[in-house]
Structures are given as structure tokens and as C-alpha cells.
PDB file of all heavy atoms in Angstrom:
ATOM      1  N   LEU A   1      -7.162  20.642  -5.289  1.00  0.00           N
ATOM      2  CA  LEU A   1      -7.840  20.102  -6.433  1.00  0.00           C
ATOM      3  C   LEU A   1      -8.474  18.721  -6.031  1.00  0.00           C
ATOM      4  O   LEU A   1      -7.900  17.895  -5.387  1.00  0.00           O
ATOM      5  CB  LEU A   1      -6.927  19.909  -7.689  1.00  0.00           C
ATOM      6  CG  LEU A   1      -6.459  21.168  -8.291  1.00  0.00           C
ATOM      7  CD1 LEU A   1      -5.481  20.760  -9.433  1.00  0.00           C
ATOM      8  CD2 LEU A   1      -7.604  21.928  -8.889  1.00  0.00           C
ATOM      9  N   ASN A   2      -9.702  18.529  -6.507  1.00  0.00           N
ATOM     10  CA  ASN A   2     -10.339  17.223  -6.309  1.00  0.00           C
ATOM     11  C   ASN A   2     -11.203  16.977  -7.464  1.00  0.00           C
ATOM     12  O   ASN A   2     -12.416  17.269  -7.466  1.00  0.00           O
ATOM     13  CB  ASN A   2     -11.166  17.298  -4.947  1.00  0.00           C
ATOM     14  CG  ASN A   2     -11.819  15.911  -4.729  1.00  0.00           C
ATOM     15  OD1 ASN A   2     -11.321  14.884  -5.187  1.00  0.00           O
ATOM     16  ND2 ASN A   2     -12.882  15.944  -3.950  1.00  0.00           N
ATOM     17  N   ASN A   3     -10.606  16.482  -8.554  1.00  0.00           N
ATOM     18  CA  ASN A   3     -11.448  16.069  -9.694  1.00  0.00           C
ATOM     19  C   ASN A   3     -10.840  14.895 -10.414  1.00  0.00           C
ATOM     20  O   ASN A   3      -9.617  14.487 -10.200  1.00  0.00           O
ATOM     21  CB  ASN A   3     -11.443  17.283 -10.698  1.00  0.00           C
ATOM     22  CG  ASN A   3     -10.112  17.635 -11.232  1.00  0.00           C
ATOM     23  OD1 ASN A   3      -9.461  16.885 -11.946  1.00  0.00           O
ATOM     24  ND2 ASN A   3      -9.648  18.871 -10.968  1.00  0.00           N
ATOM     25  N   PRO A   4     -11.616  14.122 -11.172  1.00  0.00           N
ATOM     26  CA  PRO A   4     -11.223  12.769 -11.696  1.00  0.00           C
ATOM     27  C   PRO A   4      -9.970  12.949 -12.573  1.00  0.00           C
ATOM     28  O   PRO A   4      -9.082  12.061 -12.552  1.00  0.00           O
ATOM     29  CB  PRO A   4     -12.396  12.360 -12.537  1.00  0.00           C
ATOM     30  CG  PRO A   4     -13.607  13.086 -11.893  1.00  0.00           C
ATOM     31  CD  PRO A   4     -12.991  14.374 -11.419  1.00  0.00           C
ATOM     32  N   LEU A   5      -9.874  14.025 -13.393  1.00  0.00           N
ATOM     33  CA  LEU A   5      -8.697  14.147 -14.275  1.00  0.00           C
ATOM     34  C   LEU A   5      -7.408  14.351 -13.494  1.00  0.00           C
ATOM     35  O   LEU A   5      -6.415  13.776 -13.821  1.00  0.00           O
ATOM     36  CB  LEU A   5      -8.933  15.356 -15.219  1.00  0.00           C
ATOM     37  CG  LEU A   5      -7.872  15.509 -16.311  1.00  0.00           C
ATOM     38  CD1 LEU A   5      -7.661  14.162 -17.111  1.00  0.00           C
ATOM     39  CD2 LEU A   5      -8.322  16.631 -17.311  1.00  0.00           C
ATOM     40  N   ALA A   6      -7.487  15.099 -12.374  1.00  0.00           N
ATOM     41  CA  ALA A   6      -6.236  15.271 -11.545  1.00  0.00           C
ATOM     42  C   ALA A   6      -5.871  13.952 -10.935  1.00  0.00           C
ATOM     43  O   ALA A   6      -4.678  13.598 -10.903  1.00  0.00           O
ATOM     44  CB  ALA A   6      -6.604  16.308 -10.428  1.00  0.00           C
ATOM     45  N   ARG A   7      -6.793  13.143 -10.504  1.00  0.00           N
ATOM     46  CA  ARG A   7      -6.481  11.845  -9.896  1.00  0.00           C
ATOM     47  C   ARG A   7      -5.934  10.918 -10.986  1.00  0.00           C
ATOM     48  O   ARG A   7      -5.041  10.103 -10.664  1.00  0.00           O
ATOM     49  CB  ARG A   7      -7.759  11.231  -9.228  1.00  0.00           C
ATOM     50  CG  ARG A   7      -8.181  11.933  -8.014  1.00  0.00           C
ATOM     51  CD  ARG A   7      -9.216  11.135  -7.196  1.00  0.00           C
ATOM     52  NE  ARG A   7     -10.465  10.925  -7.954  1.00  0.00           N
ATOM     53  CZ  ARG A   7     -11.517  11.741  -7.850  1.00  0.00           C
ATOM     54  NH1 ARG A   7     -11.445  12.809  -7.175  1.00  0.00           N
ATOM     55  NH2 ARG A   7     -12.599  11.480  -8.569  1.00  0.00           N
ATOM     56  N   GLU A   8      -6.442  11.013 -12.222  1.00  0.00           N
ATOM     57  CA  GLU A   8      -5.917  10.150 -13.307  1.00  0.00           C
ATOM     58  C   GLU A   8      -4.432  10.545 -13.649  1.00  0.00           C
ATOM     59  O   GLU A   8      -3.638   9.663 -13.877  1.00  0.00           O
ATOM     60  CB  GLU A   8      -6.810  10.317 -14.535  1.00  0.00           C
ATOM     61  CG  GLU A   8      -6.369   9.493 -15.690  1.00  0.00           C
ATOM     62  CD  GLU A   8      -7.218   9.685 -16.908  1.00  0.00           C
ATOM     63  OE1 GLU A   8      -8.372  10.162 -16.734  1.00  0.00           O
ATOM     64  OE2 GLU A   8      -6.779   9.370 -18.039  1.00  0.00           O
ATOM     65  N   LEU A   9      -4.187  11.844 -13.662  1.00  0.00           N
ATOM     66  CA  LEU A   9      -2.828  12.263 -14.018  1.00  0.00           C
ATOM     67  C   LEU A   9      -1.779  12.010 -12.912  1.00  0.00           C
ATOM     68  O   LEU A   9      -0.606  11.632 -13.127  1.00  0.00           O
ATOM     69  CB  LEU A   9      -2.820  13.801 -14.231  1.00  0.00           C
ATOM     70  CG  LEU A   9      -3.462  14.260 -15.541  1.00  0.00           C
ATOM     71  CD1 LEU A   9      -3.667  15.777 -15.553  1.00  0.00           C
ATOM     72  CD2 LEU A   9      -2.570  13.855 -16.687  1.00  0.00           C
ATOM     73  N   PHE A  10      -2.276  12.012 -11.613  1.00  0.00           N
ATOM     74  CA  PHE A  10      -1.378  11.835 -10.507  1.00  0.00           C
ATOM     75  C   PHE A  10      -1.960  10.806  -9.545  1.00  0.00           C
ATOM     76  O   PHE A  10      -2.509  11.076  -8.458  1.00  0.00           O
ATOM     77  CB  PHE A  10      -1.126  13.124  -9.702  1.00  0.00           C
ATOM     78  CG  PHE A  10      -0.520  14.131 -10.624  1.00  0.00           C
ATOM     79  CD1 PHE A  10      -1.250  15.195 -11.102  1.00  0.00           C
ATOM     80  CD2 PHE A  10       0.804  14.077 -11.005  1.00  0.00           C
ATOM     81  CE1 PHE A  10      -0.716  16.136 -11.896  1.00  0.00           C
ATOM     82  CE2 PHE A  10       1.376  15.084 -11.780  1.00  0.00           C
ATOM     83  CZ  PHE A  10       0.576  16.064 -12.287  1.00  0.00           C
ATOM     84  N   PRO A  11      -1.944   9.471  -9.977  1.00  0.00           N
ATOM     85  CA  PRO A  11      -2.520   8.447  -9.108  1.00  0.00           C
ATOM     86  C   PRO A  11      -1.793   8.279  -7.821  1.00  0.00           C
ATOM     87  O   PRO A  11      -0.616   8.459  -7.756  1.00  0.00           O
ATOM     88  CB  PRO A  11      -2.472   7.180 -10.060  1.00  0.00           C
ATOM     89  CG  PRO A  11      -1.332   7.526 -10.941  1.00  0.00           C
ATOM     90  CD  PRO A  11      -1.385   8.939 -11.215  1.00  0.00           C
ATOM     91  N   ALA A  12      -2.546   8.007  -6.777  1.00  0.00           N
ATOM     92  CA  ALA A  12      -1.955   7.773  -5.479  1.00  0.00           C
ATOM     93  C   ALA A  12      -1.128   8.954  -4.986  1.00  0.00           C
ATOM     94  O   ALA A  12      -0.173   8.712  -4.273  1.00  0.00           O
ATOM     95  CB  ALA A  12      -1.203   6.492  -5.415  1.00  0.00           C
ATOM     96  N   GLY A  13      -1.489  10.093  -5.385  1.00  0.00           N
ATOM     97  CA  GLY A  13      -0.718  11.268  -4.927  1.00  0.00           C
ATOM     98  C   GLY A  13       0.598  11.450  -5.538  1.00  0.00           C
ATOM     99  O   GLY A  13       1.421  12.302  -5.042  1.00  0.00           O
ATOM    100  N   SER A  14       0.926  10.794  -6.670  1.00  0.00           N
ATOM    101  CA  SER A  14       2.293  10.912  -7.252  1.00  0.00           C
ATOM    102  C   SER A  14       2.454  12.269  -7.810  1.00  0.00           C
ATOM    103  O   SER A  14       1.550  12.870  -8.427  1.00  0.00           O
ATOM    104  CB  SER A  14       2.410   9.891  -8.427  1.00  0.00           C
ATOM    105  OG  SER A  14       3.533  10.144  -9.163  1.00  0.00           O
ATOM    106  N   MET A  15       3.608  12.883  -7.601  1.00  0.00           N
ATOM    107  CA  MET A  15       3.960  14.140  -8.090  1.00  0.00           C
ATOM    108  C   MET A  15       4.997  14.080  -9.179  1.00  0.00           C
ATOM    109  O   MET A  15       5.593  15.108  -9.644  1.00  0.00           O
ATOM    110  CB  MET A  15       4.487  15.039  -6.979  1.00  0.00           C
ATOM    111  CG  MET A  15       3.411  15.451  -5.939  1.00  0.00           C
ATOM    112  SD  MET A  15       2.198  16.602  -6.576  1.00  0.00           S
ATOM    113  CE  MET A  15       0.843  15.492  -6.926  1.00  0.00           C
ATOM    114  N   GLU A  16       5.326  12.900  -9.676  1.00  0.00           N
ATOM    115  CA  GLU A  16       6.345  12.795 -10.668  1.00  0.00           C
ATOM    116  C   GLU A  16       5.885  13.103 -12.058  1.00  0.00           C
ATOM    117  O   GLU A  16       4.766  12.739 -12.434  1.00  0.00           O
ATOM    118  CB  GLU A  16       6.900  11.289 -10.653  1.00  0.00           C
ATOM    119  CG  GLU A  16       7.536  10.879  -9.344  1.00  0.00           C
ATOM    120  CD  GLU A  16       8.803  11.638  -9.072  1.00  0.00           C
ATOM    121  OE1 GLU A  16       9.490  11.960  -9.988  1.00  0.00           O
ATOM    122  OE2 GLU A  16       9.021  11.967  -7.886  1.00  0.00           O
ATOM    123  N   GLU A  17       6.743  13.779 -12.797  1.00  0.00           N
ATOM    124  CA  GLU A  17       6.469  13.991 -14.185  1.00  0.00           C
ATOM    125  C   GLU A  17       6.722  12.643 -14.950  1.00  0.00           C
ATOM    126  O   GLU A  17       7.419  11.795 -14.450  1.00  0.00           O
ATOM    127  CB  GLU A  17       7.434  15.039 -14.778  1.00  0.00           C
ATOM    128  CG  GLU A  17       7.258  16.484 -14.219  1.00  0.00           C
ATOM    129  CD  GLU A  17       6.023  17.155 -14.878  1.00  0.00           C
ATOM    130  OE1 GLU A  17       5.342  16.449 -15.697  1.00  0.00           O
ATOM    131  OE2 GLU A  17       5.878  18.343 -14.645  1.00  0.00           O
ATOM    132  N   PRO A  18       6.085  12.451 -16.136  1.00  0.00           N
ATOM    133  CA  PRO A  18       6.265  11.160 -16.863  1.00  0.00           C
ATOM    134  C   PRO A  18       7.828  10.988 -17.225  1.00  0.00           C
ATOM    135  O   PRO A  18       8.396  11.928 -17.678  1.00  0.00           O
ATOM    136  CB  PRO A  18       5.440  11.299 -18.077  1.00  0.00           C
ATOM    137  CG  PRO A  18       4.893  12.708 -18.100  1.00  0.00           C
ATOM    138  CD  PRO A  18       5.110  13.275 -16.803  1.00  0.00           C
ATOM    139  N   LYS A  19       8.290   9.845 -16.851  1.00  0.00           N
ATOM    140  CA  LYS A  19       9.739   9.644 -17.095  1.00  0.00           C
ATOM    141  C   LYS A  19      10.026   9.112 -18.471  1.00  0.00           C
ATOM    142  O   LYS A  19      11.083   9.262 -19.005  1.00  0.00           O
ATOM    143  CB  LYS A  19      10.299   8.655 -16.021  1.00  0.00           C
ATOM    144  CG  LYS A  19      10.227   9.243 -14.650  1.00  0.00           C
ATOM    145  CD  LYS A  19      10.768   8.264 -13.588  1.00  0.00           C
ATOM    146  CE  LYS A  19      10.778   8.939 -12.227  1.00  0.00           C
ATOM    147  NZ  LYS A  19      11.244   8.045 -11.180  1.00  0.00           N
ATOM    148  N   SER A  20       9.086   8.375 -19.072  1.00  0.00           N
ATOM    149  CA  SER A  20       9.257   7.779 -20.332  1.00  0.00           C
ATOM    150  C   SER A  20       9.054   8.829 -21.457  1.00  0.00           C
ATOM    151  O   SER A  20       8.049   9.480 -21.438  1.00  0.00           O
ATOM    152  CB  SER A  20       8.261   6.605 -20.591  1.00  0.00           C
ATOM    153  OG  SER A  20       8.171   6.265 -21.965  1.00  0.00           O
ATOM    154  N   GLU A  21       9.976   8.932 -22.354  1.00  0.00           N
ATOM    155  CA  GLU A  21       9.874   9.918 -23.429  1.00  0.00           C
ATOM    156  C   GLU A  21       8.682   9.534 -24.323  1.00  0.00           C
ATOM    157  O   GLU A  21       7.998  10.436 -24.870  1.00  0.00           O
ATOM    158  CB  GLU A  21      11.212  10.004 -24.294  1.00  0.00           C
ATOM    159  CG  GLU A  21      12.309  10.600 -23.522  1.00  0.00           C
ATOM    160  CD  GLU A  21      13.575  10.699 -24.376  1.00  0.00           C
ATOM    161  OE1 GLU A  21      13.477  10.384 -25.632  1.00  0.00           O
ATOM    162  OE2 GLU A  21      14.699  11.027 -23.915  1.00  0.00           O
ATOM    163  N   ASN A  22       8.463   8.235 -24.519  1.00  0.00           N
ATOM    164  CA  ASN A  22       7.363   7.791 -25.349  1.00  0.00           C
ATOM    165  C   ASN A  22       6.051   8.194 -24.652  1.00  0.00           C
ATOM    166  O   ASN A  22       5.139   8.655 -25.357  1.00  0.00           O
ATOM    167  CB  ASN A  22       7.405   6.316 -25.527  1.00  0.00           C
ATOM    168  CG  ASN A  22       8.586   5.874 -26.419  1.00  0.00           C
ATOM    169  OD1 ASN A  22       8.961   6.666 -27.265  1.00  0.00           O
ATOM    170  ND2 ASN A  22       9.046   4.631 -26.244  1.00  0.00           N
ATOM    171  N   ASP A  23       5.996   8.061 -23.354  1.00  0.00           N
ATOM    172  CA  ASP A  23       4.773   8.404 -22.660  1.00  0.00           C
ATOM    173  C   ASP A  23       4.507   9.920 -22.751  1.00  0.00           C
ATOM    174  O   ASP A  23       3.410  10.339 -23.020  1.00  0.00           O
ATOM    175  CB  ASP A  23       4.879   8.063 -21.112  1.00  0.00           C
ATOM    176  CG  ASP A  23       4.755   6.514 -20.939  1.00  0.00           C
ATOM    177  OD1 ASP A  23       4.311   5.858 -21.900  1.00  0.00           O
ATOM    178  OD2 ASP A  23       5.081   6.064 -19.817  1.00  0.00           O
ATOM    179  N   ALA A  24       5.557  10.679 -22.581  1.00  0.00           N
ATOM    180  CA  ALA A  24       5.472  12.093 -22.734  1.00  0.00           C
ATOM    181  C   ALA A  24       5.081  12.522 -24.128  1.00  0.00           C
ATOM    182  O   ALA A  24       4.269  13.422 -24.360  1.00  0.00           O
ATOM    183  CB  ALA A  24       6.742  12.771 -22.384  1.00  0.00           C
ATOM    184  N   ALA A  25       5.559  11.851 -25.112  1.00  0.00           N
ATOM    185  CA  ALA A  25       5.316  12.202 -26.515  1.00  0.00           C
ATOM    186  C   ALA A  25       3.924  11.929 -26.860  1.00  0.00           C
ATOM    187  O   ALA A  25       3.270  12.599 -27.731  1.00  0.00           O
ATOM    188  CB  ALA A  25       6.248  11.478 -27.487  1.00  0.00           C
TER     189      ALA A  25
END
């Protein structure tokens, strides 16, 4: 994948799911 939304969701190649419940909510 190479699109702006993917880069925004996973900056710098991060594969981590959001850890903050507030962020997830």
C-alpha cells in the first residue's frame, strides 16, 4: 500500500494498534 491515509494511520511504518482506549473510541 502507498497512499496518504495508510501513512497517516501508521506513521513511520508503525504496526501498533492504538493503545489508548480514548483514542480508539
